[in-house]
PDB file of N, CA and C in Angstrom:
ATOM      1  N   UNK A   1     -13.925  -1.085  -1.400  1.00  0.00           N
ATOM      2  CA  UNK A   1     -14.097  -1.558  -2.738  1.00  0.00           C
ATOM      3  C   UNK A   1     -12.776  -1.996  -3.354  1.00  0.00           C
ATOM      4  N   UNK A   2     -11.707  -1.244  -3.132  1.00  0.00           N
ATOM      5  CA  UNK A   2     -10.405  -1.630  -3.661  1.00  0.00           C
ATOM      6  C   UNK A   2      -9.992  -2.991  -3.115  1.00  0.00           C
ATOM      7  N   UNK A   3     -10.193  -3.224  -1.828  1.00  0.00           N
ATOM      8  CA  UNK A   3      -9.771  -4.477  -1.217  1.00  0.00           C
ATOM      9  C   UNK A   3     -10.632  -5.648  -1.665  1.00  0.00           C
ATOM     10  N   UNK A   4     -11.872  -5.401  -2.041  1.00  0.00           N
ATOM     11  CA  UNK A   4     -12.755  -6.478  -2.488  1.00  0.00           C
ATOM     12  C   UNK A   4     -12.244  -7.142  -3.758  1.00  0.00           C
ATOM     13  N   UNK A   5     -11.498  -6.429  -4.584  1.00  0.00           N
ATOM     14  CA  UNK A   5     -11.003  -6.972  -5.839  1.00  0.00           C
ATOM     15  C   UNK A   5      -9.682  -7.722  -5.678  1.00  0.00           C
ATOM     16  N   UNK A   6      -9.086  -7.708  -4.484  1.00  0.00           N
ATOM     17  CA  UNK A   6      -7.796  -8.349  -4.264  1.00  0.00           C
ATOM     18  C   UNK A   6      -7.963  -9.789  -3.794  1.00  0.00           C
ATOM     19  N   UNK A   7      -6.993 -10.622  -4.174  1.00  0.00           N
ATOM     20  CA  UNK A   7      -6.968 -12.019  -3.757  1.00  0.00           C
ATOM     21  C   UNK A   7      -5.625 -12.302  -3.101  1.00  0.00           C
ATOM     22  N   UNK A   8      -5.616 -12.892  -1.913  1.00  0.00           N
ATOM     23  CA  UNK A   8      -4.330 -13.196  -1.278  1.00  0.00           C
ATOM     24  C   UNK A   8      -3.515 -14.165  -2.120  1.00  0.00           C
ATOM     25  N   UNK A   9      -2.204 -14.027  -2.040  1.00  0.00           N
ATOM     26  CA  UNK A   9      -1.300 -14.916  -2.773  1.00  0.00           C
ATOM     27  C   UNK A   9       0.004 -15.000  -1.985  1.00  0.00           C
ATOM     28  N   UNK A  10       0.991 -15.698  -2.559  1.00  0.00           N
ATOM     29  CA  UNK A  10       2.289 -15.785  -1.890  1.00  0.00           C
ATOM     30  C   UNK A  10       2.973 -14.415  -1.851  1.00  0.00           C
ATOM     31  N   UNK A  11       2.591 -13.504  -2.735  1.00  0.00           N
ATOM     32  CA  UNK A  11       3.192 -12.169  -2.772  1.00  0.00           C
ATOM     33  C   UNK A  11       2.346 -11.121  -2.058  1.00  0.00           C
ATOM     34  N   UNK A  12       1.062 -11.386  -1.870  1.00  0.00           N
ATOM     35  CA  UNK A  12       0.143 -10.394  -1.296  1.00  0.00           C
ATOM     36  C   UNK A  12      -0.549 -10.947  -0.057  1.00  0.00           C
ATOM     37  N   UNK A  13      -0.360 -10.254   1.051  1.00  0.00           N
ATOM     38  CA  UNK A  13      -1.036 -10.624   2.296  1.00  0.00           C
ATOM     39  C   UNK A  13      -2.192  -9.656   2.514  1.00  0.00           C
ATOM     40  N   UNK A  14      -3.352 -10.180   2.885  1.00  0.00           N
ATOM     41  CA  UNK A  14      -4.525  -9.354   3.155  1.00  0.00           C
ATOM     42  C   UNK A  14      -5.014  -9.616   4.574  1.00  0.00           C
ATOM     43  N   UNK A  15      -5.487  -8.576   5.223  1.00  0.00           N
ATOM     44  CA  UNK A  15      -6.059  -8.716   6.564  1.00  0.00           C
ATOM     45  C   UNK A  15      -7.204  -7.731   6.714  1.00  0.00           C
ATOM     46  N   UNK A  16      -8.273  -8.161   7.359  1.00  0.00           N
ATOM     47  CA  UNK A  16      -9.372  -7.273   7.708  1.00  0.00           C
ATOM     48  C   UNK A  16      -9.522  -7.304   9.220  1.00  0.00           C
ATOM     49  N   UNK A  17     -10.021  -6.220   9.765  1.00  0.00           N
ATOM     50  CA  UNK A  17     -10.138  -6.064  11.202  1.00  0.00           C
ATOM     51  C   UNK A  17     -11.576  -5.698  11.539  1.00  0.00           C
ATOM     52  N   UNK A  18     -12.203  -6.490  12.394  1.00  0.00           N
ATOM     53  CA  UNK A  18     -13.609  -6.289  12.720  1.00  0.00           C
ATOM     54  C   UNK A  18     -13.824  -5.249  13.812  1.00  0.00           C
ATOM     55  N   UNK A  19     -12.812  -5.039  14.655  1.00  0.00           N
ATOM     56  CA  UNK A  19     -12.949  -4.065  15.738  1.00  0.00           C
ATOM     57  C   UNK A  19     -11.581  -3.520  16.123  1.00  0.00           C
ATOM     58  N   UNK A  20     -11.558  -2.522  16.977  1.00  0.00           N
ATOM     59  CA  UNK A  20     -10.304  -1.855  17.341  1.00  0.00           C
ATOM     60  C   UNK A  20      -9.360  -2.809  18.057  1.00  0.00           C
ATOM     61  N   UNK A  21      -9.866  -3.745  18.833  1.00  0.00           N
ATOM     62  CA  UNK A  21      -8.991  -4.696  19.523  1.00  0.00           C
ATOM     63  C   UNK A  21      -8.273  -5.614  18.551  1.00  0.00           C
ATOM     64  N   UNK A  22      -8.922  -5.994  17.471  1.00  0.00           N
ATOM     65  CA  UNK A  22      -8.267  -6.803  16.445  1.00  0.00           C
ATOM     66  C   UNK A  22      -7.247  -5.979  15.670  1.00  0.00           C
ATOM     67  N   UNK A  23      -7.483  -4.680  15.540  1.00  0.00           N
ATOM     68  CA  UNK A  23      -6.612  -3.795  14.774  1.00  0.00           C
ATOM     69  C   UNK A  23      -5.333  -3.416  15.535  1.00  0.00           C
ATOM     70  N   UNK A  24      -5.383  -3.360  16.849  1.00  0.00           N
ATOM     71  CA  UNK A  24      -4.257  -2.870  17.649  1.00  0.00           C
ATOM     72  C   UNK A  24      -2.922  -3.556  17.352  1.00  0.00           C
ATOM     73  N   UNK A  25      -2.848  -4.878  17.174  1.00  0.00           N
ATOM     74  CA  UNK A  25      -1.542  -5.475  16.850  1.00  0.00           C
ATOM     75  C   UNK A  25      -0.940  -4.957  15.548  1.00  0.00           C
ATOM     76  N   UNK A  26      -1.767  -4.521  14.594  1.00  0.00           N
ATOM     77  CA  UNK A  26      -1.253  -3.973  13.333  1.00  0.00           C
ATOM     78  C   UNK A  26      -0.527  -2.657  13.566  1.00  0.00           C
ATOM     79  N   UNK A  27      -0.865  -1.963  14.634  1.00  0.00           N
ATOM     80  CA  UNK A  27      -0.241  -0.675  14.917  1.00  0.00           C
ATOM     81  C   UNK A  27       1.150  -0.815  15.522  1.00  0.00           C
ATOM     82  N   UNK A  28       1.493  -1.975  16.012  1.00  0.00           N
ATOM     83  CA  UNK A  28       2.801  -2.156  16.630  1.00  0.00           C
ATOM     84  C   UNK A  28       3.936  -1.881  15.656  1.00  0.00           C
ATOM     85  N   UNK A  29       3.727  -2.189  14.383  1.00  0.00           N
ATOM     86  CA  UNK A  29       4.756  -1.976  13.367  1.00  0.00           C
ATOM     87  C   UNK A  29       5.107  -0.495  13.229  1.00  0.00           C
ATOM     88  N   UNK A  30       4.119   0.379  13.378  1.00  0.00           N
ATOM     89  CA  UNK A  30       4.344   1.814  13.236  1.00  0.00           C
ATOM     90  C   UNK A  30       4.507   2.513  14.576  1.00  0.00           C
ATOM     91  N   UNK A  31       4.479   1.763  15.677  1.00  0.00           N
ATOM     92  CA  UNK A  31       4.536   2.351  17.014  1.00  0.00           C
ATOM     93  C   UNK A  31       3.441   3.409  17.133  1.00  0.00           C
ATOM     94  N   UNK A  32       2.207   2.980  16.875  1.00  0.00           N
ATOM     95  CA  UNK A  32       1.074   3.905  16.809  1.00  0.00           C
ATOM     96  C   UNK A  32       0.006   3.523  17.819  1.00  0.00           C
ATOM     97  N   UNK A  33      -0.872   4.483  18.074  1.00  0.00           N
ATOM     98  CA  UNK A  33      -2.042   4.268  18.926  1.00  0.00           C
ATOM     99  C   UNK A  33      -3.197   5.034  18.317  1.00  0.00           C
ATOM    100  N   UNK A  34      -4.303   4.336  18.078  1.00  0.00           N
ATOM    101  CA  UNK A  34      -5.475   4.951  17.459  1.00  0.00           C
ATOM    102  C   UNK A  34      -6.618   5.055  18.446  1.00  0.00           C
ATOM    103  N   UNK A  35      -7.346   6.154  18.341  1.00  0.00           N
ATOM    104  CA  UNK A  35      -8.575   6.345  19.105  1.00  0.00           C
ATOM    105  C   UNK A  35      -9.688   6.540  18.076  1.00  0.00           C
ATOM    106  N   UNK A  36     -10.534   5.520  17.873  1.00  0.00           N
ATOM    107  CA  UNK A  36     -11.600   5.642  16.870  1.00  0.00           C
ATOM    108  C   UNK A  36     -12.588   6.741  17.241  1.00  0.00           C
ATOM    109  N   UNK A  37     -13.031   7.486  16.250  1.00  0.00           N
ATOM    110  CA  UNK A  37     -14.006   8.545  16.475  1.00  0.00           C
ATOM    111  C   UNK A  37     -15.438   8.033  16.372  1.00  0.00           C
ATOM    112  N   UNK A  38     -15.629   6.883  15.708  1.00  0.00           N
ATOM    113  CA  UNK A  38     -16.959   6.301  15.559  1.00  0.00           C
ATOM    114  C   UNK A  38     -16.830   4.784  15.673  1.00  0.00           C
ATOM    115  N   UNK A  39     -16.893   4.276  16.893  1.00  0.00           N
ATOM    116  CA  UNK A  39     -16.686   2.849  17.140  1.00  0.00           C
ATOM    117  C   UNK A  39     -17.749   1.998  16.442  1.00  0.00           C
ATOM    118  N   UNK A  40     -18.954   2.492  16.349  1.00  0.00           N
ATOM    119  CA  UNK A  40     -20.044   1.717  15.740  1.00  0.00           C
ATOM    120  C   UNK A  40     -19.800   1.442  14.253  1.00  0.00           C
ATOM    121  N   UNK A  41     -19.102   2.328  13.561  1.00  0.00           N
ATOM    122  CA  UNK A  41     -18.853   2.146  12.121  1.00  0.00           C
ATOM    123  C   UNK A  41     -17.387   1.815  11.855  1.00  0.00           C
ATOM    124  N   UNK A  42     -16.740   1.092  12.750  1.00  0.00           N
ATOM    125  CA  UNK A  42     -15.339   0.727  12.598  1.00  0.00           C
ATOM    126  C   UNK A  42     -15.172  -0.263  11.449  1.00  0.00           C
ATOM    127  N   UNK A  43     -14.194  -0.037  10.602  1.00  0.00           N
ATOM    128  CA  UNK A  43     -13.816  -0.978   9.545  1.00  0.00           C
ATOM    129  C   UNK A  43     -12.401  -0.647   9.112  1.00  0.00           C
ATOM    130  N   UNK A  44     -11.563  -1.665   8.986  1.00  0.00           N
ATOM    131  CA  UNK A  44     -10.190  -1.455   8.527  1.00  0.00           C
ATOM    132  C   UNK A  44      -9.727  -2.690   7.770  1.00  0.00           C
ATOM    133  N   UNK A  45      -8.837  -2.478   6.811  1.00  0.00           N
ATOM    134  CA  UNK A  45      -8.259  -3.575   6.040  1.00  0.00           C
ATOM    135  C   UNK A  45      -6.843  -3.186   5.660  1.00  0.00           C
ATOM    136  N   UNK A  46      -6.004  -4.215   5.425  1.00  0.00           N
ATOM    137  CA  UNK A  46      -4.597  -3.959   5.086  1.00  0.00           C
ATOM    138  C   UNK A  46      -4.150  -4.946   4.019  1.00  0.00           C
ATOM    139  N   UNK A  47      -3.380  -4.438   3.052  1.00  0.00           N
ATOM    140  CA  UNK A  47      -2.739  -5.263   2.036  1.00  0.00           C
ATOM    141  C   UNK A  47      -1.236  -5.012   2.132  1.00  0.00           C
ATOM    142  N   UNK A  48      -0.442  -6.094   2.088  1.00  0.00           N
ATOM    143  CA  UNK A  48       1.009  -5.976   2.231  1.00  0.00           C
ATOM    144  C   UNK A  48       1.684  -6.740   1.102  1.00  0.00           C
ATOM    145  N   UNK A  49       2.622  -6.076   0.429  1.00  0.00           N
ATOM    146  CA  UNK A  49       3.477  -6.699  -0.581  1.00  0.00           C
ATOM    147  C   UNK A  49       4.905  -6.556  -0.086  1.00  0.00           C
ATOM    148  N   UNK A  50       5.606  -7.685   0.076  1.00  0.00           N
ATOM    149  CA  UNK A  50       7.006  -7.651   0.515  1.00  0.00           C
ATOM    150  C   UNK A  50       7.916  -7.793  -0.703  1.00  0.00           C
ATOM    151  N   UNK A  51       8.749  -6.787  -0.909  1.00  0.00           N
ATOM    152  CA  UNK A  51       9.732  -6.777  -1.986  1.00  0.00           C
ATOM    153  C   UNK A  51      11.114  -6.948  -1.369  1.00  0.00           C
ATOM    154  N   UNK A  52      12.150  -7.240  -2.173  1.00  0.00           N
ATOM    155  CA  UNK A  52      13.483  -7.457  -1.612  1.00  0.00           C
ATOM    156  C   UNK A  52      14.007  -6.280  -0.776  1.00  0.00           C
ATOM    157  N   UNK A  53      13.722  -5.061  -1.173  1.00  0.00           N
ATOM    158  CA  UNK A  53      14.294  -3.904  -0.486  1.00  0.00           C
ATOM    159  C   UNK A  53      13.298  -3.132   0.380  1.00  0.00           C
ATOM    160  N   UNK A  54      12.018  -3.522   0.326  1.00  0.00           N
ATOM    161  CA  UNK A  54      11.036  -2.767   1.107  1.00  0.00           C
ATOM    162  C   UNK A  54       9.744  -3.559   1.253  1.00  0.00           C
ATOM    163  N   UNK A  55       8.870  -3.021   2.058  1.00  0.00           N
ATOM    164  CA  UNK A  55       7.537  -3.584   2.238  1.00  0.00           C
ATOM    165  C   UNK A  55       6.544  -2.468   1.923  1.00  0.00           C
ATOM    166  N   UNK A  56       5.574  -2.744   1.059  1.00  0.00           N
ATOM    167  CA  UNK A  56       4.550  -1.763   0.699  1.00  0.00           C
ATOM    168  C   UNK A  56       3.264  -2.159   1.416  1.00  0.00           C
ATOM    169  N   UNK A  57       2.717  -1.196   2.170  1.00  0.00           N
ATOM    170  CA  UNK A  57       1.507  -1.459   2.944  1.00  0.00           C
ATOM    171  C   UNK A  57       0.436  -0.463   2.512  1.00  0.00           C
ATOM    172  N   UNK A  58      -0.718  -0.984   2.129  1.00  0.00           N
ATOM    173  CA  UNK A  58      -1.879  -0.167   1.794  1.00  0.00           C
ATOM    174  C   UNK A  58      -2.931  -0.447   2.851  1.00  0.00           C
ATOM    175  N   UNK A  59      -3.414   0.610   3.479  1.00  0.00           N
ATOM    176  CA  UNK A  59      -4.379   0.431   4.555  1.00  0.00           C
ATOM    177  C   UNK A  59      -5.629   1.248   4.274  1.00  0.00           C
ATOM    178  N   UNK A  60      -6.785   0.601   4.419  1.00  0.00           N
ATOM    179  CA  UNK A  60      -8.052   1.314   4.452  1.00  0.00           C
ATOM    180  C   UNK A  60      -8.342   1.507   5.928  1.00  0.00           C
ATOM    181  N   UNK A  61      -8.467   2.729   6.311  1.00  0.00           N
ATOM    182  CA  UNK A  61      -8.534   3.043   7.729  1.00  0.00           C
ATOM    183  C   UNK A  61      -9.918   3.520   8.126  1.00  0.00           C
ATOM    184  N   UNK A  62     -10.008   4.169   9.249  1.00  0.00           N
ATOM    185  CA  UNK A  62     -11.262   4.620   9.828  1.00  0.00           C
ATOM    186  C   UNK A  62     -11.023   5.981  10.450  1.00  0.00           C
ATOM    187  N   UNK A  63     -12.077   6.703  10.710  1.00  0.00           N
ATOM    188  CA  UNK A  63     -11.952   8.018  11.343  1.00  0.00           C
ATOM    189  C   UNK A  63     -11.353   7.825  12.730  1.00  0.00           C
ATOM    190  N   UNK A  64     -10.223   8.500  12.988  1.00  0.00           N
ATOM    191  CA  UNK A  64      -9.530   8.276  14.248  1.00  0.00           C
ATOM    192  C   UNK A  64      -8.591   9.411  14.591  1.00  0.00           C
ATOM    193  N   UNK A  65      -8.217   9.445  15.837  1.00  0.00           N
ATOM    194  CA  UNK A  65      -7.098  10.268  16.288  1.00  0.00           C
ATOM    195  C   UNK A  65      -5.901   9.324  16.298  1.00  0.00           C
ATOM    196  N   UNK A  66      -4.825   9.698  15.630  1.00  0.00           N
ATOM    197  CA  UNK A  66      -3.659   8.828  15.486  1.00  0.00           C
ATOM    198  C   UNK A  66      -2.451   9.465  16.140  1.00  0.00           C
ATOM    199  N   UNK A  67      -1.847   8.746  17.055  1.00  0.00           N
ATOM    200  CA  UNK A  67      -0.610   9.170  17.712  1.00  0.00           C
ATOM    201  C   UNK A  67       0.459   8.178  17.282  1.00  0.00           C
ATOM    202  N   UNK A  68       1.449   8.631  16.500  1.00  0.00           N
ATOM    203  CA  UNK A  68       2.439   7.699  15.958  1.00  0.00           C
ATOM    204  C   UNK A  68       3.817   8.321  15.866  1.00  0.00           C
ATOM    205  N   UNK A  69       4.817   7.462  15.788  1.00  0.00           N
ATOM    206  CA  UNK A  69       6.203   7.864  15.561  1.00  0.00           C
ATOM    207  C   UNK A  69       6.805   6.819  14.629  1.00  0.00           C
ATOM    208  N   UNK A  70       7.041   7.189  13.378  1.00  0.00           N
ATOM    209  CA  UNK A  70       7.616   6.255  12.418  1.00  0.00           C
ATOM    210  C   UNK A  70       9.088   6.096  12.712  1.00  0.00           C
ATOM    211  N   UNK A  71       9.474   4.901  13.089  1.00  0.00           N
ATOM    212  CA  UNK A  71      10.869   4.640  13.470  1.00  0.00           C
ATOM    213  C   UNK A  71      11.645   3.899  12.381  1.00  0.00           C
ATOM    214  N   UNK A  72      10.960   3.314  11.434  1.00  0.00           N
ATOM    215  CA  UNK A  72      11.631   2.571  10.370  1.00  0.00           C
ATOM    216  C   UNK A  72      12.186   3.538   9.336  1.00  0.00           C
ATOM    217  N   UNK A  73      13.384   3.274   8.798  1.00  0.00           N
ATOM    218  CA  UNK A  73      13.917   4.128   7.736  1.00  0.00           C
ATOM    219  C   UNK A  73      12.958   4.157   6.550  1.00  0.00           C
ATOM    220  N   UNK A  74      12.675   5.316   6.036  1.00  0.00           N
ATOM    221  CA  UNK A  74      11.797   5.455   4.887  1.00  0.00           C
ATOM    222  C   UNK A  74      10.322   5.399   5.248  1.00  0.00           C
ATOM    223  N   UNK A  75       9.996   5.391   6.534  1.00  0.00           N
ATOM    224  CA  UNK A  75       8.603   5.314   6.974  1.00  0.00           C
ATOM    225  C   UNK A  75       7.900   6.618   6.778  1.00  0.00           C
TER     226      UNK A  75
END
């Protein structure tokens, strides 16, 4: 619902993912690997705002096992 009210712009990037294979490239940024717990009800979306000193990422995720290592400063 939160993502439905957003509109992409030059400042806001939006992405939706229909399945885990489409979502996997988004995990490269966090050096993560997800194992969905319910593949049939998979849904994910991401909003990104890039500011001069940082990038803010809001993600609507799915039930999963997440294996990650945040390597970016401030991650």
